[in-house]
Amino acid sequence: MGLAIDHMIVPSGSAGTHAGILAGMEGNRAGIPVSGINVSRSKQEQEALVNDLAVRTAEWVGAGNCVPENAVRCFDAYVGPGYSLPTDGMVDAVRLLASTEAILLDPVYSGKSMVGCIDLTRKGFFEGCKNVLFLHTGGSPSFYAYVESFMNPLYGQKR
């Protein structure tokens, strides 16, 4: 395809997706850094959880001990008050992608992860990267459980 990916952003909750992607990237020597945007835990707790599961996954699939501890990177600034609890940033990110790209993000995982991706981009974290891959993990039906957050003027629309 000729597309070089410089960095990948994934939601990081129970750690399965993050650890699996990381084990695959490291096991295949893809050279693509993977960063997780936490949806429920502190950076330290999540990194330990992801590391443990990524190492065990790589070993289970026969890739050996290929996941170095320094390959695990998590950001916890976007969790807000807790798992599945809306934040202004999440509401803004979901509204932004829906209105500009016709992409519906779920509020619990991809919505909070997109907040992190946007914020890290604005802060220059991806400086020098041409292509950042964002993993949309689906779950858009859960959007309807949070419709009040998107209708409530107290959420989003930075005041």
N, C-alpha and C. Protein backbone atom coordinates (compact mmCIF):
# COMPACT_ATOMS: atom_id res chain seq x y z
N MET A 1 0.82 -1.20 0.00
CA MET A 1 0.00 0.00 0.00
C MET A 1 0.86 1.26 0.00
N GLY A 2 2.06 1.16 0.48
CA GLY A 2 2.94 2.31 0.46
C GLY A 2 2.69 3.34 1.54
N LEU A 3 1.90 3.00 2.53
CA LEU A 3 1.62 3.93 3.62
C LEU A 3 2.47 3.55 4.83
N ALA A 4 3.28 4.48 5.26
CA ALA A 4 4.12 4.25 6.44
C ALA A 4 3.42 4.85 7.65
N ILE A 5 3.22 4.05 8.67
CA ILE A 5 2.59 4.51 9.91
C ILE A 5 3.71 4.87 10.88
N ASP A 6 3.64 6.08 11.43
CA ASP A 6 4.66 6.56 12.35
C ASP A 6 4.33 6.33 13.82
N HIS A 7 3.04 6.23 14.13
CA HIS A 7 2.61 6.07 15.52
C HIS A 7 1.18 5.55 15.50
N MET A 8 0.80 4.81 16.52
CA MET A 8 -0.56 4.30 16.63
C MET A 8 -1.12 4.65 17.99
N ILE A 9 -2.38 5.10 17.99
CA ILE A 9 -3.10 5.42 19.23
C ILE A 9 -4.23 4.41 19.39
N VAL A 10 -4.34 3.82 20.58
CA VAL A 10 -5.40 2.86 20.87
C VAL A 10 -6.07 3.20 22.19
N PRO A 11 -7.36 2.88 22.31
CA PRO A 11 -8.00 2.97 23.63
C PRO A 11 -7.38 1.92 24.54
N SER A 12 -7.26 2.24 25.81
CA SER A 12 -6.68 1.29 26.76
C SER A 12 -7.57 1.18 27.98
N GLY A 13 -8.33 0.09 28.03
CA GLY A 13 -9.26 -0.13 29.14
C GLY A 13 -8.89 -1.37 29.91
N SER A 14 -9.45 -2.52 29.51
CA SER A 14 -9.12 -3.78 30.18
C SER A 14 -7.72 -4.24 29.80
N ALA A 15 -7.13 -3.62 28.80
CA ALA A 15 -5.76 -3.83 28.32
C ALA A 15 -5.65 -4.84 27.20
N GLY A 16 -6.71 -5.57 26.88
CA GLY A 16 -6.64 -6.59 25.85
C GLY A 16 -6.29 -6.05 24.47
N THR A 17 -6.98 -5.02 24.04
CA THR A 17 -6.71 -4.44 22.72
C THR A 17 -5.31 -3.85 22.68
N HIS A 18 -4.98 -3.04 23.67
CA HIS A 18 -3.68 -2.38 23.72
C HIS A 18 -2.56 -3.42 23.74
N ALA A 19 -2.68 -4.40 24.61
CA ALA A 19 -1.64 -5.42 24.75
C ALA A 19 -1.52 -6.25 23.48
N GLY A 20 -2.63 -6.61 22.87
CA GLY A 20 -2.60 -7.41 21.65
C GLY A 20 -1.95 -6.68 20.49
N ILE A 21 -2.32 -5.42 20.31
CA ILE A 21 -1.71 -4.61 19.25
C ILE A 21 -0.21 -4.46 19.50
N LEU A 22 0.15 -4.17 20.74
CA LEU A 22 1.56 -3.99 21.09
C LEU A 22 2.36 -5.28 20.86
N ALA A 23 1.81 -6.40 21.31
CA ALA A 23 2.50 -7.68 21.10
C ALA A 23 2.67 -7.96 19.61
N GLY A 24 1.66 -7.65 18.83
CA GLY A 24 1.75 -7.86 17.38
C GLY A 24 2.78 -6.97 16.73
N MET A 25 2.79 -5.70 17.11
CA MET A 25 3.76 -4.76 16.54
C MET A 25 5.19 -5.15 16.91
N GLU A 26 5.39 -5.48 18.18
CA GLU A 26 6.73 -5.85 18.63
C GLU A 26 7.14 -7.21 18.08
N GLY A 27 6.22 -8.15 18.07
CA GLY A 27 6.52 -9.48 17.57
C GLY A 27 6.86 -9.50 16.08
N ASN A 28 6.29 -8.57 15.34
CA ASN A 28 6.56 -8.46 13.90
C ASN A 28 7.64 -7.44 13.58
N ARG A 29 8.22 -6.86 14.62
CA ARG A 29 9.27 -5.84 14.46
C ARG A 29 8.82 -4.74 13.50
N ALA A 30 7.58 -4.28 13.70
CA ALA A 30 6.99 -3.27 12.81
C ALA A 30 7.62 -1.89 12.99
N GLY A 31 8.19 -1.64 14.16
CA GLY A 31 8.81 -0.34 14.40
C GLY A 31 7.80 0.78 14.54
N ILE A 32 6.57 0.43 14.88
CA ILE A 32 5.52 1.44 15.06
C ILE A 32 5.21 1.56 16.54
N PRO A 33 5.51 2.71 17.15
CA PRO A 33 5.18 2.90 18.56
C PRO A 33 3.66 2.90 18.76
N VAL A 34 3.22 2.34 19.86
CA VAL A 34 1.80 2.27 20.20
C VAL A 34 1.60 2.97 21.53
N SER A 35 0.69 3.94 21.54
CA SER A 35 0.35 4.63 22.79
C SER A 35 -1.11 4.39 23.11
N GLY A 36 -1.38 4.12 24.37
CA GLY A 36 -2.75 3.89 24.82
C GLY A 36 -3.29 5.11 25.54
N ILE A 37 -4.54 5.41 25.28
CA ILE A 37 -5.23 6.46 26.02
C ILE A 37 -6.14 5.74 27.02
N ASN A 38 -5.82 5.91 28.29
CA ASN A 38 -6.54 5.22 29.35
C ASN A 38 -7.98 5.71 29.44
N VAL A 39 -8.88 4.76 29.77
CA VAL A 39 -10.27 5.13 29.98
C VAL A 39 -10.73 4.85 31.41
N SER A 40 -9.83 4.29 32.24
CA SER A 40 -10.29 3.94 33.58
C SER A 40 -9.25 3.95 34.69
N ARG A 41 -7.98 3.91 34.40
CA ARG A 41 -6.97 3.75 35.45
C ARG A 41 -5.87 4.79 35.34
N SER A 42 -5.04 4.82 36.38
CA SER A 42 -3.87 5.68 36.36
C SER A 42 -2.84 5.12 35.38
N LYS A 43 -1.95 5.97 34.96
CA LYS A 43 -0.87 5.61 34.03
C LYS A 43 -0.08 4.41 34.56
N GLN A 44 0.33 4.46 35.82
CA GLN A 44 1.16 3.40 36.39
C GLN A 44 0.43 2.06 36.42
N GLU A 45 -0.82 2.08 36.88
CA GLU A 45 -1.60 0.84 36.93
C GLU A 45 -1.81 0.27 35.52
N GLN A 46 -2.16 1.14 34.58
CA GLN A 46 -2.45 0.68 33.23
C GLN A 46 -1.21 0.15 32.53
N GLU A 47 -0.10 0.84 32.68
CA GLU A 47 1.13 0.38 32.02
C GLU A 47 1.55 -0.99 32.55
N ALA A 48 1.41 -1.21 33.84
CA ALA A 48 1.75 -2.52 34.41
C ALA A 48 0.82 -3.60 33.86
N LEU A 49 -0.47 -3.29 33.78
CA LEU A 49 -1.45 -4.25 33.26
C LEU A 49 -1.18 -4.57 31.79
N VAL A 50 -0.96 -3.54 30.98
CA VAL A 50 -0.68 -3.73 29.55
C VAL A 50 0.61 -4.52 29.36
N ASN A 51 1.65 -4.17 30.10
CA ASN A 51 2.94 -4.86 29.97
C ASN A 51 2.79 -6.34 30.27
N ASP A 52 2.16 -6.66 31.37
CA ASP A 52 1.99 -8.06 31.76
C ASP A 52 1.23 -8.83 30.68
N LEU A 53 0.14 -8.29 30.21
CA LEU A 53 -0.67 -8.99 29.22
C LEU A 53 0.02 -9.06 27.85
N ALA A 54 0.72 -8.01 27.45
CA ALA A 54 1.44 -8.02 26.17
C ALA A 54 2.55 -9.06 26.18
N VAL A 55 3.29 -9.14 27.27
CA VAL A 55 4.37 -10.13 27.39
C VAL A 55 3.80 -11.55 27.34
N ARG A 56 2.73 -11.78 28.09
CA ARG A 56 2.13 -13.12 28.10
C ARG A 56 1.53 -13.47 26.74
N THR A 57 0.94 -12.48 26.07
CA THR A 57 0.35 -12.72 24.74
C THR A 57 1.44 -13.06 23.73
N ALA A 58 2.50 -12.29 23.71
CA ALA A 58 3.61 -12.55 22.79
C ALA A 58 4.19 -13.94 23.00
N GLU A 59 4.37 -14.31 24.26
CA GLU A 59 4.91 -15.64 24.55
C GLU A 59 3.94 -16.72 24.12
N TRP A 60 2.64 -16.52 24.34
CA TRP A 60 1.61 -17.51 24.01
C TRP A 60 1.53 -17.76 22.50
N VAL A 61 1.72 -16.70 21.70
CA VAL A 61 1.65 -16.87 20.24
C VAL A 61 2.98 -17.27 19.63
N GLY A 62 4.00 -17.46 20.46
CA GLY A 62 5.28 -17.94 19.96
C GLY A 62 6.26 -16.86 19.53
N ALA A 63 5.98 -15.61 19.92
CA ALA A 63 6.89 -14.52 19.56
C ALA A 63 7.99 -14.33 20.58
N GLY A 64 7.93 -15.09 21.66
CA GLY A 64 8.96 -14.99 22.69
C GLY A 64 8.84 -13.73 23.52
N ASN A 65 9.96 -13.40 24.15
CA ASN A 65 10.00 -12.22 25.02
C ASN A 65 10.38 -11.00 24.18
N CYS A 66 9.43 -10.49 23.41
CA CYS A 66 9.72 -9.44 22.44
C CYS A 66 9.19 -8.07 22.84
N VAL A 67 8.50 -7.98 23.96
CA VAL A 67 7.88 -6.71 24.35
C VAL A 67 8.69 -6.06 25.47
N PRO A 68 9.52 -5.08 25.13
CA PRO A 68 10.28 -4.40 26.19
C PRO A 68 9.35 -3.51 27.01
N GLU A 69 9.67 -3.39 28.27
CA GLU A 69 8.83 -2.59 29.16
C GLU A 69 8.69 -1.15 28.67
N ASN A 70 9.75 -0.61 28.08
CA ASN A 70 9.69 0.79 27.62
C ASN A 70 8.84 0.98 26.37
N ALA A 71 8.32 -0.12 25.80
CA ALA A 71 7.41 -0.01 24.64
C ALA A 71 5.99 0.31 25.08
N VAL A 72 5.71 0.14 26.37
CA VAL A 72 4.36 0.38 26.89
C VAL A 72 4.24 1.85 27.30
N ARG A 73 3.32 2.53 26.64
CA ARG A 73 3.11 3.95 26.95
C ARG A 73 1.61 4.20 27.07
N CYS A 74 1.21 4.78 28.20
CA CYS A 74 -0.19 5.12 28.45
C CYS A 74 -0.31 6.57 28.89
N PHE A 75 -1.45 7.15 28.57
CA PHE A 75 -1.77 8.52 28.99
C PHE A 75 -3.08 8.47 29.77
N ASP A 76 -3.05 9.04 30.98
CA ASP A 76 -4.24 8.97 31.83
C ASP A 76 -4.94 10.32 32.06
N ALA A 77 -4.54 11.34 31.35
CA ALA A 77 -5.11 12.68 31.56
C ALA A 77 -6.52 12.84 31.00
N TYR A 78 -7.04 11.81 30.33
CA TYR A 78 -8.32 11.95 29.64
C TYR A 78 -9.42 11.07 30.24
N VAL A 79 -9.11 10.40 31.35
CA VAL A 79 -10.08 9.53 32.01
C VAL A 79 -11.24 10.34 32.58
N GLY A 80 -10.95 11.51 33.11
CA GLY A 80 -11.99 12.31 33.75
C GLY A 80 -12.36 11.72 35.10
N PRO A 81 -13.63 11.85 35.49
CA PRO A 81 -14.04 11.38 36.82
C PRO A 81 -14.08 9.86 36.96
N GLY A 82 -13.95 9.12 35.86
CA GLY A 82 -13.93 7.67 35.95
C GLY A 82 -14.41 6.98 34.70
N TYR A 83 -14.36 5.66 34.75
CA TYR A 83 -14.75 4.83 33.62
C TYR A 83 -16.19 5.10 33.22
N SER A 84 -16.39 5.31 31.95
CA SER A 84 -17.70 5.53 31.31
C SER A 84 -18.41 6.81 31.75
N LEU A 85 -17.71 7.67 32.49
CA LEU A 85 -18.31 8.94 32.89
C LEU A 85 -17.90 10.02 31.89
N PRO A 86 -18.88 10.74 31.34
CA PRO A 86 -18.59 11.73 30.29
C PRO A 86 -17.68 12.85 30.78
N THR A 87 -16.93 13.39 29.83
CA THR A 87 -16.11 14.58 30.07
C THR A 87 -16.43 15.59 28.98
N ASP A 88 -16.17 16.85 29.25
CA ASP A 88 -16.37 17.89 28.23
C ASP A 88 -15.55 17.58 26.98
N GLY A 89 -14.30 17.16 27.18
CA GLY A 89 -13.43 16.86 26.05
C GLY A 89 -13.97 15.73 25.19
N MET A 90 -14.50 14.68 25.83
CA MET A 90 -15.07 13.56 25.08
C MET A 90 -16.25 14.02 24.25
N VAL A 91 -17.13 14.80 24.86
CA VAL A 91 -18.30 15.30 24.13
C VAL A 91 -17.85 16.14 22.94
N ASP A 92 -16.88 17.01 23.15
CA ASP A 92 -16.37 17.85 22.05
C ASP A 92 -15.76 17.00 20.94
N ALA A 93 -14.97 15.98 21.30
CA ALA A 93 -14.33 15.13 20.30
C ALA A 93 -15.36 14.33 19.50
N VAL A 94 -16.36 13.79 20.17
CA VAL A 94 -17.40 13.02 19.48
C VAL A 94 -18.17 13.94 18.54
N ARG A 95 -18.52 15.13 19.01
CA ARG A 95 -19.22 16.09 18.15
C ARG A 95 -18.37 16.49 16.96
N LEU A 96 -17.08 16.74 17.19
CA LEU A 96 -16.18 17.16 16.12
C LEU A 96 -16.10 16.11 15.01
N LEU A 97 -15.84 14.87 15.38
CA LEU A 97 -15.71 13.83 14.35
C LEU A 97 -17.04 13.54 13.66
N ALA A 98 -18.13 13.60 14.40
CA ALA A 98 -19.44 13.36 13.78
C ALA A 98 -19.77 14.46 12.77
N SER A 99 -19.45 15.69 13.11
CA SER A 99 -19.83 16.81 12.24
C SER A 99 -18.85 17.05 11.09
N THR A 100 -17.60 16.68 11.25
CA THR A 100 -16.63 16.96 10.18
C THR A 100 -16.27 15.74 9.34
N GLU A 101 -16.36 14.55 9.92
CA GLU A 101 -15.93 13.34 9.22
C GLU A 101 -17.02 12.29 9.10
N ALA A 102 -18.20 12.54 9.69
CA ALA A 102 -19.30 11.57 9.72
C ALA A 102 -18.87 10.25 10.36
N ILE A 103 -18.00 10.36 11.36
CA ILE A 103 -17.54 9.18 12.12
C ILE A 103 -18.13 9.28 13.51
N LEU A 104 -18.84 8.24 13.92
CA LEU A 104 -19.45 8.21 15.24
C LEU A 104 -18.54 7.43 16.19
N LEU A 105 -18.08 8.10 17.22
CA LEU A 105 -17.21 7.49 18.23
C LEU A 105 -18.05 7.13 19.45
N ASP A 106 -17.75 5.99 20.05
CA ASP A 106 -18.45 5.67 21.29
C ASP A 106 -17.87 6.52 22.42
N PRO A 107 -18.71 6.93 23.36
CA PRO A 107 -18.27 7.81 24.44
C PRO A 107 -17.29 7.18 25.42
N VAL A 108 -17.31 5.87 25.59
CA VAL A 108 -16.51 5.23 26.63
C VAL A 108 -15.06 5.00 26.21
N TYR A 109 -14.83 4.51 25.00
CA TYR A 109 -13.48 4.17 24.56
C TYR A 109 -12.96 5.12 23.49
N SER A 110 -13.50 5.03 22.30
CA SER A 110 -12.96 5.83 21.19
C SER A 110 -13.14 7.32 21.41
N GLY A 111 -14.22 7.72 22.06
CA GLY A 111 -14.43 9.15 22.34
C GLY A 111 -13.35 9.72 23.24
N LYS A 112 -13.08 9.04 24.34
CA LYS A 112 -12.03 9.52 25.24
C LYS A 112 -10.65 9.39 24.61
N SER A 113 -10.46 8.35 23.80
CA SER A 113 -9.16 8.19 23.13
C SER A 113 -8.93 9.28 22.10
N MET A 114 -9.99 9.70 21.42
CA MET A 114 -9.84 10.77 20.44
C MET A 114 -9.49 12.09 21.12
N VAL A 115 -10.02 12.33 22.31
CA VAL A 115 -9.64 13.52 23.07
C VAL A 115 -8.13 13.52 23.27
N GLY A 116 -7.59 12.38 23.67
CA GLY A 116 -6.16 12.26 23.88
C GLY A 116 -5.38 12.46 22.60
N CYS A 117 -5.84 11.88 21.51
CA CYS A 117 -5.16 12.01 20.22
C CYS A 117 -5.12 13.48 19.78
N ILE A 118 -6.25 14.16 19.91
CA ILE A 118 -6.32 15.57 19.53
C ILE A 118 -5.40 16.41 20.42
N ASP A 119 -5.48 16.18 21.72
CA ASP A 119 -4.68 16.97 22.66
C ASP A 119 -3.18 16.73 22.47
N LEU A 120 -2.79 15.47 22.31
CA LEU A 120 -1.38 15.16 22.09
C LEU A 120 -0.87 15.77 20.79
N THR A 121 -1.72 15.79 19.78
CA THR A 121 -1.35 16.43 18.51
C THR A 121 -1.12 17.93 18.71
N ARG A 122 -2.04 18.56 19.41
CA ARG A 122 -1.91 20.00 19.66
C ARG A 122 -0.68 20.34 20.49
N LYS A 123 -0.30 19.42 21.37
CA LYS A 123 0.87 19.64 22.22
C LYS A 123 2.19 19.27 21.55
N GLY A 124 2.13 18.78 20.32
CA GLY A 124 3.35 18.47 19.58
C GLY A 124 3.93 17.09 19.85
N PHE A 125 3.18 16.21 20.51
CA PHE A 125 3.68 14.88 20.83
C PHE A 125 4.07 14.10 19.57
N PHE A 126 3.35 14.31 18.49
CA PHE A 126 3.61 13.57 17.25
C PHE A 126 4.49 14.35 16.29
N GLU A 127 5.23 15.31 16.80
CA GLU A 127 6.14 16.11 15.97
C GLU A 127 7.02 15.19 15.12
N GLY A 128 7.05 15.44 13.86
CA GLY A 128 7.85 14.64 12.95
C GLY A 128 7.11 13.44 12.38
N CYS A 129 5.93 13.15 12.88
CA CYS A 129 5.14 12.04 12.36
C CYS A 129 4.29 12.53 11.19
N LYS A 130 4.31 11.78 10.12
CA LYS A 130 3.45 12.11 8.98
C LYS A 130 2.12 11.40 9.08
N ASN A 131 2.12 10.18 9.59
CA ASN A 131 0.90 9.37 9.65
C ASN A 131 0.72 8.76 11.04
N VAL A 132 -0.33 9.20 11.70
CA VAL A 132 -0.69 8.65 13.00
C VAL A 132 -1.98 7.84 12.79
N LEU A 133 -1.94 6.59 13.18
CA LEU A 133 -3.09 5.71 13.03
C LEU A 133 -3.87 5.69 14.34
N PHE A 134 -5.16 5.98 14.24
CA PHE A 134 -6.05 5.94 15.40
C PHE A 134 -6.93 4.71 15.28
N LEU A 135 -6.93 3.86 16.28
CA LEU A 135 -7.76 2.66 16.26
C LEU A 135 -9.13 2.96 16.83
N HIS A 136 -10.13 2.92 15.98
CA HIS A 136 -11.53 3.08 16.39
C HIS A 136 -12.04 1.68 16.70
N THR A 137 -12.34 1.42 17.96
CA THR A 137 -12.68 0.07 18.39
C THR A 137 -14.17 -0.24 18.27
N GLY A 138 -14.92 0.64 17.64
CA GLY A 138 -16.35 0.38 17.47
C GLY A 138 -17.13 0.80 18.70
N GLY A 139 -18.23 0.13 18.93
CA GLY A 139 -19.04 0.42 20.11
C GLY A 139 -19.99 1.58 19.94
N SER A 140 -20.19 2.05 18.72
CA SER A 140 -21.05 3.23 18.53
C SER A 140 -22.47 3.04 19.03
N PRO A 141 -23.03 1.82 19.14
CA PRO A 141 -24.37 1.71 19.73
C PRO A 141 -24.43 2.26 21.16
N SER A 142 -23.29 2.23 21.88
CA SER A 142 -23.30 2.76 23.25
C SER A 142 -23.50 4.27 23.28
N PHE A 143 -23.30 4.91 22.12
CA PHE A 143 -23.53 6.35 22.02
C PHE A 143 -24.92 6.71 22.53
N TYR A 144 -25.90 5.88 22.23
CA TYR A 144 -27.28 6.19 22.57
C TYR A 144 -27.54 6.14 24.08
N ALA A 145 -26.72 5.44 24.82
CA ALA A 145 -26.85 5.43 26.28
C ALA A 145 -26.37 6.75 26.88
N TYR A 146 -25.66 7.56 26.07
CA TYR A 146 -25.09 8.83 26.56
C TYR A 146 -25.69 10.04 25.86
N VAL A 147 -26.80 9.85 25.20
CA VAL A 147 -27.36 10.93 24.39
C VAL A 147 -27.62 12.20 25.22
N GLU A 148 -27.97 12.03 26.48
CA GLU A 148 -28.19 13.19 27.36
C GLU A 148 -26.95 14.07 27.46
N SER A 149 -25.78 13.46 27.48
CA SER A 149 -24.53 14.22 27.57
C SER A 149 -24.34 15.11 26.35
N PHE A 150 -24.83 14.63 25.20
CA PHE A 150 -24.64 15.40 23.98
C PHE A 150 -25.74 16.45 23.79
N MET A 151 -26.84 16.27 24.47
CA MET A 151 -27.94 17.24 24.40
C MET A 151 -27.82 18.29 25.49
N ASN A 152 -27.08 17.97 26.55
CA ASN A 152 -26.95 18.85 27.71
C ASN A 152 -25.95 19.96 27.40
N PRO A 153 -26.38 21.21 27.47
CA PRO A 153 -25.45 22.30 27.17
C PRO A 153 -24.32 22.46 28.21
N LEU A 154 -24.41 21.75 29.33
CA LEU A 154 -23.35 21.83 30.34
C LEU A 154 -22.13 21.01 29.93
N TYR A 155 -22.30 20.09 28.97
CA TYR A 155 -21.17 19.30 28.49
C TYR A 155 -20.67 19.85 27.17
N GLY A 156 -19.38 19.77 27.03
CA GLY A 156 -18.76 20.15 25.76
C GLY A 156 -18.86 21.65 25.49
N GLN A 157 -18.62 22.01 24.24
CA GLN A 157 -18.65 23.42 23.84
C GLN A 157 -17.91 24.29 24.84
N LYS A 158 -16.64 24.08 24.91
CA LYS A 158 -15.76 24.77 25.88
C LYS A 158 -16.30 26.15 26.25
N ARG A 159 -16.49 26.32 27.54
CA ARG A 159 -17.09 27.56 28.04
C ARG A 159 -16.03 28.58 28.31
